[in-house]
Amino acid sequence: MAALAGTAVVLTLAVLLFPTYARVRSALARAQGDRLVYVARATAFGFPGDSDIGGAHARELIRHYDIRPADAALAARALSGGNQQKVVVAREMSRDFRVLLAAQPTRGVDVGAIEFIHARLREARDQGKAVLLVSADLSEVLALSDRVAVMYGGRIVALLPRSDATPETLGPYMTGAERAA
């Protein structure tokens, strides 16, 4: 897989600013920890006007992602936090994308949902998709990453292969004690 060095900031801004239909067209996807960005106006698998709300595609995603209760017409805000997160992950990862920005993908969810979401992120990586994980949870970063970038003061201060990234080596960068990239 080709490295995306030098494009991460551009992709991050693009994903955050694109509405859903534009992300689909540009093959970018986002699984964001702040579920309220999407779920306030949506049913579990669509927005008003979508052609497949409650359809076969939605039922397949509910089954594959083990979303409970299994009712595609139910408002997403009526689901538990973990199931809301699964809805976002299912919707974004079911599209044809090349780059996934996963920002705090497991914040506020239970252990079972964390393991499930981590497995889906690994599947995307194994399929050759680029996954950019942004997380404040160091154990999550170390469990999922091939390379680790540390930001301090708005700048990347370290970029390490996973084999070199340990809490002890990352700590000084995370606190600003080390500032060289």
N, C-alpha and C. Protein backbone atom coordinates (compact mmCIF):
# COMPACT_ATOMS: atom_id res chain seq x y z
N MET A 1 0.85 -1.17 0.00
CA MET A 1 0.00 0.00 0.00
C MET A 1 0.89 1.24 0.00
N ALA A 2 0.57 2.20 -0.82
CA ALA A 2 1.36 3.42 -0.92
C ALA A 2 1.17 4.27 0.33
N ALA A 3 2.25 4.87 0.80
CA ALA A 3 2.18 5.72 1.97
C ALA A 3 1.46 7.01 1.62
N LEU A 4 0.77 7.57 2.58
CA LEU A 4 0.05 8.81 2.37
C LEU A 4 0.75 9.98 3.04
N ALA A 5 2.06 9.88 3.21
CA ALA A 5 2.81 10.91 3.91
C ALA A 5 2.58 12.26 3.26
N GLY A 6 2.37 13.27 4.09
CA GLY A 6 2.19 14.62 3.59
C GLY A 6 0.76 14.97 3.24
N THR A 7 -0.15 13.99 3.27
CA THR A 7 -1.53 14.29 2.90
C THR A 7 -2.49 14.17 4.07
N ALA A 8 -2.02 13.76 5.23
CA ALA A 8 -2.93 13.48 6.34
C ALA A 8 -3.72 14.72 6.76
N VAL A 9 -3.07 15.87 6.86
CA VAL A 9 -3.77 17.07 7.31
C VAL A 9 -4.83 17.47 6.28
N VAL A 10 -4.49 17.42 5.02
CA VAL A 10 -5.44 17.76 3.97
C VAL A 10 -6.63 16.82 4.02
N LEU A 11 -6.37 15.52 4.16
CA LEU A 11 -7.46 14.56 4.22
C LEU A 11 -8.32 14.78 5.45
N THR A 12 -7.71 15.08 6.57
CA THR A 12 -8.47 15.32 7.79
C THR A 12 -9.41 16.50 7.58
N LEU A 13 -8.92 17.59 7.05
CA LEU A 13 -9.77 18.75 6.82
C LEU A 13 -10.86 18.44 5.81
N ALA A 14 -10.51 17.71 4.77
CA ALA A 14 -11.50 17.38 3.75
C ALA A 14 -12.63 16.54 4.34
N VAL A 15 -12.28 15.55 5.14
CA VAL A 15 -13.30 14.69 5.72
C VAL A 15 -14.18 15.47 6.68
N LEU A 16 -13.61 16.34 7.47
CA LEU A 16 -14.40 17.07 8.45
C LEU A 16 -15.33 18.07 7.79
N LEU A 17 -14.97 18.58 6.63
CA LEU A 17 -15.77 19.61 5.99
C LEU A 17 -16.75 19.07 4.97
N PHE A 18 -16.54 17.88 4.44
CA PHE A 18 -17.41 17.33 3.42
C PHE A 18 -18.70 16.83 4.03
N PRO A 19 -19.85 17.16 3.43
CA PRO A 19 -21.08 16.48 3.85
C PRO A 19 -21.01 15.02 3.38
N THR A 20 -21.90 14.18 3.89
CA THR A 20 -21.85 12.75 3.63
C THR A 20 -21.80 12.43 2.14
N TYR A 21 -22.67 13.01 1.33
CA TYR A 21 -22.71 12.68 -0.10
C TYR A 21 -21.40 13.03 -0.79
N ALA A 22 -20.75 14.11 -0.36
CA ALA A 22 -19.48 14.49 -0.97
C ALA A 22 -18.37 13.52 -0.56
N ARG A 23 -18.41 13.02 0.69
CA ARG A 23 -17.41 12.04 1.12
C ARG A 23 -17.55 10.76 0.33
N VAL A 24 -18.80 10.35 0.07
CA VAL A 24 -19.02 9.13 -0.70
C VAL A 24 -18.44 9.30 -2.09
N ARG A 25 -18.70 10.45 -2.72
CA ARG A 25 -18.18 10.70 -4.05
C ARG A 25 -16.65 10.73 -4.07
N SER A 26 -16.04 11.22 -3.01
CA SER A 26 -14.58 11.33 -2.98
C SER A 26 -13.90 10.12 -2.37
N ALA A 27 -14.65 9.09 -2.00
CA ALA A 27 -14.13 7.84 -1.43
C ALA A 27 -13.47 8.05 -0.08
N LEU A 28 -13.93 9.05 0.67
CA LEU A 28 -13.46 9.26 2.03
C LEU A 28 -14.58 8.84 2.98
N ALA A 29 -14.21 8.28 4.11
CA ALA A 29 -15.21 7.90 5.10
C ALA A 29 -14.74 8.38 6.46
N ARG A 30 -15.67 8.52 7.39
CA ARG A 30 -15.31 8.97 8.73
C ARG A 30 -16.14 8.21 9.75
N ALA A 31 -15.48 7.70 10.75
CA ALA A 31 -16.17 7.12 11.89
C ALA A 31 -15.77 7.97 13.08
N GLN A 32 -16.67 8.81 13.53
CA GLN A 32 -16.33 9.79 14.55
C GLN A 32 -16.91 9.40 15.89
N GLY A 33 -16.14 9.62 16.93
CA GLY A 33 -16.58 9.30 18.27
C GLY A 33 -17.78 10.13 18.70
N ASP A 34 -17.93 11.34 18.23
CA ASP A 34 -19.05 12.17 18.60
C ASP A 34 -20.25 11.81 17.74
N ARG A 35 -21.01 10.83 18.21
CA ARG A 35 -22.12 10.29 17.43
C ARG A 35 -23.16 11.34 17.09
N LEU A 36 -23.28 12.39 17.88
CA LEU A 36 -24.36 13.35 17.68
C LEU A 36 -24.23 14.11 16.37
N VAL A 37 -23.05 14.10 15.77
CA VAL A 37 -22.88 14.76 14.48
C VAL A 37 -23.89 14.22 13.48
N TYR A 38 -24.11 12.93 13.48
CA TYR A 38 -25.00 12.32 12.51
C TYR A 38 -26.35 11.90 13.08
N VAL A 39 -26.38 11.37 14.26
CA VAL A 39 -27.55 10.63 14.68
C VAL A 39 -28.73 11.49 15.09
N ALA A 40 -28.54 12.76 15.33
CA ALA A 40 -29.66 13.59 15.77
C ALA A 40 -30.77 13.66 14.72
N ARG A 41 -30.42 13.66 13.43
CA ARG A 41 -31.42 13.78 12.36
C ARG A 41 -31.69 12.46 11.65
N ALA A 42 -30.99 11.42 11.98
CA ALA A 42 -31.02 10.21 11.16
C ALA A 42 -31.81 9.09 11.81
N THR A 43 -32.36 8.22 10.97
CA THR A 43 -32.76 6.91 11.47
C THR A 43 -31.46 6.13 11.51
N ALA A 44 -31.49 4.92 11.97
CA ALA A 44 -30.26 4.18 12.14
C ALA A 44 -29.45 4.06 10.86
N PHE A 45 -30.11 3.95 9.71
CA PHE A 45 -29.36 3.74 8.48
C PHE A 45 -29.75 4.67 7.37
N GLY A 46 -29.98 5.91 7.68
CA GLY A 46 -30.23 6.83 6.59
C GLY A 46 -30.78 8.15 7.08
N PHE A 47 -30.84 9.06 6.16
CA PHE A 47 -31.41 10.36 6.40
C PHE A 47 -32.71 10.46 5.62
N PRO A 48 -33.57 11.37 5.98
CA PRO A 48 -34.79 11.54 5.20
C PRO A 48 -34.46 11.71 3.71
N GLY A 49 -35.17 10.97 2.88
CA GLY A 49 -34.92 11.04 1.44
C GLY A 49 -34.05 9.91 0.92
N ASP A 50 -33.35 9.19 1.81
CA ASP A 50 -32.56 8.05 1.37
C ASP A 50 -33.49 6.95 0.88
N SER A 51 -33.10 6.24 -0.15
CA SER A 51 -33.99 5.25 -0.75
C SER A 51 -34.01 3.92 -0.01
N ASP A 52 -33.00 3.63 0.83
CA ASP A 52 -32.93 2.30 1.43
C ASP A 52 -33.18 2.29 2.94
N ILE A 53 -33.82 3.33 3.49
CA ILE A 53 -34.10 3.30 4.92
C ILE A 53 -34.96 2.08 5.21
N GLY A 54 -34.47 1.20 6.06
CA GLY A 54 -35.20 -0.01 6.42
C GLY A 54 -35.13 -1.10 5.38
N GLY A 55 -34.36 -0.90 4.31
CA GLY A 55 -34.30 -1.87 3.23
C GLY A 55 -33.31 -3.00 3.49
N ALA A 56 -33.08 -3.78 2.44
CA ALA A 56 -32.23 -4.97 2.54
C ALA A 56 -30.81 -4.61 2.98
N HIS A 57 -30.27 -3.51 2.45
CA HIS A 57 -28.90 -3.11 2.82
C HIS A 57 -28.83 -2.80 4.31
N ALA A 58 -29.81 -2.06 4.81
CA ALA A 58 -29.83 -1.72 6.24
C ALA A 58 -29.95 -2.98 7.09
N ARG A 59 -30.81 -3.90 6.70
CA ARG A 59 -30.97 -5.15 7.47
C ARG A 59 -29.68 -5.95 7.47
N GLU A 60 -28.96 -5.98 6.37
CA GLU A 60 -27.69 -6.70 6.31
C GLU A 60 -26.65 -6.05 7.23
N LEU A 61 -26.59 -4.72 7.25
CA LEU A 61 -25.66 -4.03 8.15
C LEU A 61 -26.01 -4.30 9.61
N ILE A 62 -27.28 -4.29 9.93
CA ILE A 62 -27.71 -4.58 11.31
C ILE A 62 -27.24 -5.97 11.71
N ARG A 63 -27.41 -6.93 10.82
CA ARG A 63 -26.98 -8.30 11.12
C ARG A 63 -25.46 -8.38 11.25
N HIS A 64 -24.75 -7.84 10.27
CA HIS A 64 -23.28 -7.95 10.25
C HIS A 64 -22.63 -7.22 11.43
N TYR A 65 -23.18 -6.06 11.80
CA TYR A 65 -22.59 -5.26 12.87
C TYR A 65 -23.26 -5.51 14.23
N ASP A 66 -24.20 -6.45 14.29
CA ASP A 66 -24.86 -6.85 15.53
C ASP A 66 -25.44 -5.65 16.27
N ILE A 67 -26.22 -4.85 15.56
CA ILE A 67 -26.83 -3.65 16.14
C ILE A 67 -28.16 -4.05 16.77
N ARG A 68 -28.37 -3.58 18.01
CA ARG A 68 -29.57 -3.94 18.77
C ARG A 68 -30.26 -2.68 19.28
N PRO A 69 -31.58 -2.64 19.25
CA PRO A 69 -32.47 -3.62 18.63
C PRO A 69 -32.36 -3.57 17.11
N ALA A 70 -32.72 -4.66 16.49
CA ALA A 70 -32.54 -4.82 15.04
C ALA A 70 -33.71 -4.21 14.27
N ASP A 71 -33.87 -2.89 14.37
CA ASP A 71 -34.97 -2.20 13.71
C ASP A 71 -34.38 -1.02 12.94
N ALA A 72 -34.29 -1.15 11.62
CA ALA A 72 -33.67 -0.12 10.79
C ALA A 72 -34.46 1.17 10.76
N ALA A 73 -35.73 1.16 11.08
CA ALA A 73 -36.55 2.37 11.06
C ALA A 73 -36.48 3.14 12.38
N LEU A 74 -35.88 2.55 13.39
CA LEU A 74 -35.77 3.19 14.70
C LEU A 74 -34.82 4.38 14.62
N ALA A 75 -35.19 5.48 15.25
CA ALA A 75 -34.31 6.65 15.28
C ALA A 75 -33.01 6.27 15.98
N ALA A 76 -31.89 6.64 15.41
CA ALA A 76 -30.59 6.28 15.97
C ALA A 76 -30.42 6.83 17.38
N ARG A 77 -31.01 7.97 17.67
CA ARG A 77 -30.87 8.55 19.02
C ARG A 77 -31.52 7.68 20.09
N ALA A 78 -32.38 6.73 19.67
CA ALA A 78 -33.03 5.84 20.61
C ALA A 78 -32.16 4.64 20.98
N LEU A 79 -31.04 4.46 20.29
CA LEU A 79 -30.14 3.33 20.55
C LEU A 79 -29.18 3.67 21.67
N SER A 80 -28.59 2.64 22.26
CA SER A 80 -27.54 2.84 23.26
C SER A 80 -26.33 3.47 22.60
N GLY A 81 -25.44 4.03 23.40
CA GLY A 81 -24.23 4.67 22.86
C GLY A 81 -23.40 3.72 22.02
N GLY A 82 -23.21 2.50 22.49
CA GLY A 82 -22.42 1.52 21.73
C GLY A 82 -23.07 1.18 20.41
N ASN A 83 -24.39 1.06 20.39
CA ASN A 83 -25.08 0.75 19.15
C ASN A 83 -25.13 1.96 18.22
N GLN A 84 -25.19 3.17 18.77
CA GLN A 84 -25.08 4.36 17.93
C GLN A 84 -23.72 4.37 17.23
N GLN A 85 -22.69 4.04 17.98
CA GLN A 85 -21.34 4.01 17.41
C GLN A 85 -21.25 2.95 16.32
N LYS A 86 -21.85 1.78 16.55
CA LYS A 86 -21.85 0.73 15.53
C LYS A 86 -22.59 1.19 14.28
N VAL A 87 -23.66 1.97 14.44
CA VAL A 87 -24.39 2.50 13.29
C VAL A 87 -23.46 3.38 12.44
N VAL A 88 -22.73 4.27 13.10
CA VAL A 88 -21.83 5.15 12.36
C VAL A 88 -20.75 4.33 11.66
N VAL A 89 -20.15 3.38 12.37
CA VAL A 89 -19.11 2.54 11.78
C VAL A 89 -19.69 1.73 10.61
N ALA A 90 -20.86 1.15 10.80
CA ALA A 90 -21.48 0.35 9.74
C ALA A 90 -21.76 1.19 8.52
N ARG A 91 -22.35 2.35 8.73
CA ARG A 91 -22.72 3.21 7.59
C ARG A 91 -21.48 3.66 6.83
N GLU A 92 -20.45 4.11 7.54
CA GLU A 92 -19.27 4.63 6.86
C GLU A 92 -18.44 3.51 6.22
N MET A 93 -18.32 2.38 6.91
CA MET A 93 -17.46 1.32 6.38
C MET A 93 -18.16 0.47 5.33
N SER A 94 -19.47 0.61 5.19
CA SER A 94 -20.16 -0.15 4.15
C SER A 94 -20.04 0.51 2.79
N ARG A 95 -19.54 1.72 2.76
CA ARG A 95 -19.37 2.43 1.50
C ARG A 95 -18.02 2.07 0.91
N ASP A 96 -17.87 2.33 -0.38
CA ASP A 96 -16.59 2.09 -1.05
C ASP A 96 -15.68 3.27 -0.77
N PHE A 97 -14.69 3.07 0.08
CA PHE A 97 -13.77 4.15 0.43
C PHE A 97 -12.34 3.66 0.32
N ARG A 98 -11.42 4.59 0.20
CA ARG A 98 -9.99 4.27 0.19
C ARG A 98 -9.31 4.75 1.46
N VAL A 99 -9.88 5.78 2.11
CA VAL A 99 -9.30 6.37 3.30
C VAL A 99 -10.39 6.48 4.36
N LEU A 100 -10.07 6.03 5.58
CA LEU A 100 -11.00 6.15 6.70
C LEU A 100 -10.33 6.95 7.79
N LEU A 101 -10.96 8.03 8.22
CA LEU A 101 -10.51 8.79 9.37
C LEU A 101 -11.35 8.34 10.55
N ALA A 102 -10.74 7.64 11.48
CA ALA A 102 -11.44 7.15 12.67
C ALA A 102 -11.03 8.03 13.84
N ALA A 103 -11.87 9.01 14.18
CA ALA A 103 -11.57 9.97 15.25
C ALA A 103 -12.30 9.54 16.51
N GLN A 104 -11.54 9.13 17.52
CA GLN A 104 -12.09 8.66 18.80
C GLN A 104 -13.17 7.61 18.55
N PRO A 105 -12.89 6.56 17.79
CA PRO A 105 -13.95 5.63 17.36
C PRO A 105 -14.58 4.83 18.48
N THR A 106 -13.94 4.74 19.64
CA THR A 106 -14.51 3.93 20.72
C THR A 106 -14.80 4.73 21.98
N ARG A 107 -14.76 6.03 21.90
CA ARG A 107 -15.01 6.86 23.09
C ARG A 107 -16.43 6.63 23.59
N GLY A 108 -16.54 6.27 24.86
CA GLY A 108 -17.84 6.15 25.50
C GLY A 108 -18.61 4.88 25.20
N VAL A 109 -17.96 3.86 24.66
CA VAL A 109 -18.68 2.62 24.37
C VAL A 109 -18.19 1.50 25.27
N ASP A 110 -18.98 0.43 25.37
CA ASP A 110 -18.62 -0.68 26.26
C ASP A 110 -17.53 -1.55 25.63
N VAL A 111 -16.98 -2.45 26.44
CA VAL A 111 -15.85 -3.28 26.03
C VAL A 111 -16.19 -4.11 24.80
N GLY A 112 -17.39 -4.67 24.76
CA GLY A 112 -17.78 -5.47 23.61
C GLY A 112 -17.80 -4.66 22.33
N ALA A 113 -18.32 -3.44 22.39
CA ALA A 113 -18.35 -2.58 21.21
C ALA A 113 -16.94 -2.15 20.82
N ILE A 114 -16.08 -1.92 21.80
CA ILE A 114 -14.69 -1.55 21.50
C ILE A 114 -14.01 -2.66 20.69
N GLU A 115 -14.13 -3.88 21.16
CA GLU A 115 -13.52 -5.01 20.45
C GLU A 115 -14.08 -5.14 19.04
N PHE A 116 -15.38 -4.96 18.91
CA PHE A 116 -16.03 -5.07 17.60
C PHE A 116 -15.52 -3.98 16.65
N ILE A 117 -15.47 -2.74 17.11
CA ILE A 117 -15.01 -1.63 16.28
C ILE A 117 -13.55 -1.81 15.91
N HIS A 118 -12.73 -2.23 16.85
CA HIS A 118 -11.32 -2.50 16.55
C HIS A 118 -11.19 -3.55 15.46
N ALA A 119 -11.99 -4.60 15.53
CA ALA A 119 -11.95 -5.66 14.50
C ALA A 119 -12.31 -5.10 13.13
N ARG A 120 -13.32 -4.20 13.07
CA ARG A 120 -13.71 -3.62 11.78
C ARG A 120 -12.59 -2.73 11.23
N LEU A 121 -11.91 -1.99 12.10
CA LEU A 121 -10.80 -1.14 11.64
C LEU A 121 -9.65 -2.00 11.11
N ARG A 122 -9.37 -3.12 11.80
CA ARG A 122 -8.33 -4.03 11.31
C ARG A 122 -8.72 -4.64 9.96
N GLU A 123 -10.01 -4.99 9.80
CA GLU A 123 -10.47 -5.53 8.52
C GLU A 123 -10.24 -4.53 7.39
N ALA A 124 -10.55 -3.26 7.64
CA ALA A 124 -10.34 -2.23 6.61
C ALA A 124 -8.86 -2.14 6.25
N ARG A 125 -8.00 -2.14 7.26
CA ARG A 125 -6.56 -2.11 7.02
C ARG A 125 -6.12 -3.32 6.21
N ASP A 126 -6.61 -4.50 6.59
CA ASP A 126 -6.23 -5.74 5.90
C ASP A 126 -6.73 -5.79 4.46
N GLN A 127 -7.76 -5.00 4.15
CA GLN A 127 -8.27 -4.91 2.78
C GLN A 127 -7.51 -3.88 1.96
N GLY A 128 -6.46 -3.29 2.54
CA GLY A 128 -5.65 -2.32 1.82
C GLY A 128 -6.16 -0.90 1.91
N LYS A 129 -7.13 -0.65 2.78
CA LYS A 129 -7.65 0.71 2.96
C LYS A 129 -6.69 1.47 3.89
N ALA A 130 -6.58 2.75 3.69
CA ALA A 130 -5.79 3.58 4.60
C ALA A 130 -6.68 3.97 5.77
N VAL A 131 -6.22 3.69 6.98
CA VAL A 131 -6.97 4.03 8.18
C VAL A 131 -6.13 5.00 8.99
N LEU A 132 -6.65 6.21 9.18
CA LEU A 132 -5.99 7.20 10.01
C LEU A 132 -6.75 7.25 11.33
N LEU A 133 -6.13 6.72 12.38
CA LEU A 133 -6.75 6.66 13.70
C LEU A 133 -6.31 7.87 14.50
N VAL A 134 -7.26 8.61 15.03
CA VAL A 134 -6.99 9.73 15.92
C VAL A 134 -7.62 9.37 17.25
N SER A 135 -6.80 9.21 18.28
CA SER A 135 -7.33 8.77 19.57
C SER A 135 -6.48 9.32 20.70
N ALA A 136 -7.16 9.65 21.79
CA ALA A 136 -6.46 10.05 23.00
C ALA A 136 -6.16 8.85 23.88
N ASP A 137 -6.64 7.68 23.49
CA ASP A 137 -6.44 6.45 24.25
C ASP A 137 -5.17 5.76 23.74
N LEU A 138 -4.10 5.88 24.51
CA LEU A 138 -2.81 5.34 24.08
C LEU A 138 -2.85 3.84 23.87
N SER A 139 -3.58 3.11 24.71
CA SER A 139 -3.65 1.66 24.51
C SER A 139 -4.34 1.33 23.19
N GLU A 140 -5.33 2.11 22.79
CA GLU A 140 -6.01 1.91 21.50
C GLU A 140 -5.05 2.19 20.35
N VAL A 141 -4.31 3.27 20.46
CA VAL A 141 -3.33 3.62 19.42
C VAL A 141 -2.30 2.50 19.27
N LEU A 142 -1.77 2.01 20.37
CA LEU A 142 -0.74 0.97 20.31
C LEU A 142 -1.31 -0.36 19.83
N ALA A 143 -2.58 -0.63 20.12
CA ALA A 143 -3.19 -1.89 19.69
C ALA A 143 -3.50 -1.92 18.20
N LEU A 144 -3.74 -0.76 17.59
CA LEU A 144 -4.23 -0.74 16.21
C LEU A 144 -3.26 -0.19 15.18
N SER A 145 -2.25 0.52 15.61
CA SER A 145 -1.44 1.28 14.65
C SER A 145 -0.24 0.51 14.12
N ASP A 146 0.09 0.79 12.86
CA ASP A 146 1.33 0.33 12.26
C ASP A 146 2.43 1.37 12.46
N ARG A 147 2.03 2.65 12.46
CA ARG A 147 2.92 3.77 12.74
C ARG A 147 2.20 4.71 13.68
N VAL A 148 2.95 5.40 14.53
CA VAL A 148 2.35 6.31 15.51
C VAL A 148 2.96 7.70 15.33
N ALA A 149 2.08 8.67 15.15
CA ALA A 149 2.50 10.07 15.10
C ALA A 149 2.01 10.73 16.39
N VAL A 150 2.86 11.53 17.00
CA VAL A 150 2.49 12.26 18.21
C VAL A 150 2.43 13.73 17.88
N MET A 151 1.31 14.35 18.27
CA MET A 151 1.16 15.80 18.09
C MET A 151 1.30 16.48 19.45
N TYR A 152 2.01 17.59 19.43
CA TYR A 152 2.13 18.42 20.63
C TYR A 152 2.16 19.87 20.15
N GLY A 153 1.37 20.70 20.76
CA GLY A 153 1.35 22.11 20.37
C GLY A 153 0.92 22.32 18.92
N GLY A 154 0.06 21.43 18.42
CA GLY A 154 -0.45 21.58 17.06
C GLY A 154 0.49 21.10 15.97
N ARG A 155 1.59 20.46 16.35
CA ARG A 155 2.57 19.99 15.37
C ARG A 155 2.90 18.52 15.61
N ILE A 156 3.22 17.81 14.55
CA ILE A 156 3.70 16.44 14.70
C ILE A 156 5.13 16.51 15.18
N VAL A 157 5.38 15.94 16.37
CA VAL A 157 6.71 15.99 16.96
C VAL A 157 7.42 14.65 16.90
N ALA A 158 6.70 13.59 16.56
CA ALA A 158 7.32 12.26 16.44
C ALA A 158 6.50 11.41 15.49
N LEU A 159 7.19 10.62 14.68
CA LEU A 159 6.55 9.62 13.82
C LEU A 159 7.40 8.37 13.93
N LEU A 160 6.82 7.33 14.56
CA LEU A 160 7.58 6.12 14.88
C LEU A 160 6.88 4.89 14.33
N PRO A 161 7.66 3.90 13.90
CA PRO A 161 7.02 2.61 13.58
C PRO A 161 6.47 2.01 14.87
N ARG A 162 5.43 1.21 14.77
CA ARG A 162 4.80 0.63 15.96
C ARG A 162 5.81 -0.12 16.82
N SER A 163 6.78 -0.77 16.20
CA SER A 163 7.77 -1.55 16.96
C SER A 163 8.59 -0.66 17.90
N ASP A 164 8.73 0.62 17.59
CA ASP A 164 9.48 1.54 18.44
C ASP A 164 8.58 2.35 19.38
N ALA A 165 7.28 2.24 19.21
CA ALA A 165 6.34 3.06 19.98
C ALA A 165 5.91 2.32 21.24
N THR A 166 6.36 2.81 22.36
CA THR A 166 5.96 2.29 23.67
C THR A 166 5.52 3.49 24.51
N PRO A 167 4.79 3.25 25.58
CA PRO A 167 4.45 4.39 26.45
C PRO A 167 5.69 5.15 26.91
N GLU A 168 6.78 4.43 27.14
CA GLU A 168 8.01 5.09 27.61
C GLU A 168 8.65 5.96 26.53
N THR A 169 8.62 5.51 25.27
CA THR A 169 9.22 6.32 24.22
C THR A 169 8.29 7.45 23.77
N LEU A 170 6.99 7.24 23.86
CA LEU A 170 6.04 8.26 23.42
C LEU A 170 5.81 9.34 24.47
N GLY A 171 5.92 8.98 25.74
CA GLY A 171 5.64 9.91 26.84
C GLY A 171 6.33 11.26 26.73
N PRO A 172 7.65 11.29 26.52
CA PRO A 172 8.33 12.59 26.41
C PRO A 172 7.80 13.45 25.25
N TYR A 173 7.43 12.83 24.15
CA TYR A 173 6.85 13.60 23.03
C TYR A 173 5.47 14.12 23.39
N MET A 174 4.69 13.29 24.07
CA MET A 174 3.32 13.66 24.43
C MET A 174 3.29 14.81 25.44
N THR A 175 4.33 14.95 26.25
CA THR A 175 4.37 16.00 27.26
C THR A 175 5.16 17.23 26.81
N GLY A 176 5.75 17.15 25.63
CA GLY A 176 6.51 18.29 25.12
C GLY A 176 7.96 18.29 25.52
N ALA A 177 8.40 17.28 26.28
CA ALA A 177 9.81 17.21 26.69
C ALA A 177 10.72 16.97 25.50
N GLU A 178 10.25 16.22 24.51
CA GLU A 178 10.97 15.99 23.25
C GLU A 178 10.18 16.68 22.16
N ARG A 179 10.85 17.42 21.29
CA ARG A 179 10.12 18.16 20.26
C ARG A 179 10.61 17.90 18.86
N ALA A 180 11.62 17.08 18.65
CA ALA A 180 12.12 16.83 17.30
C ALA A 180 11.30 15.74 16.64
N ALA A 181 10.94 15.95 15.38
CA ALA A 181 10.18 14.93 14.64
C ALA A 181 11.11 13.93 14.02
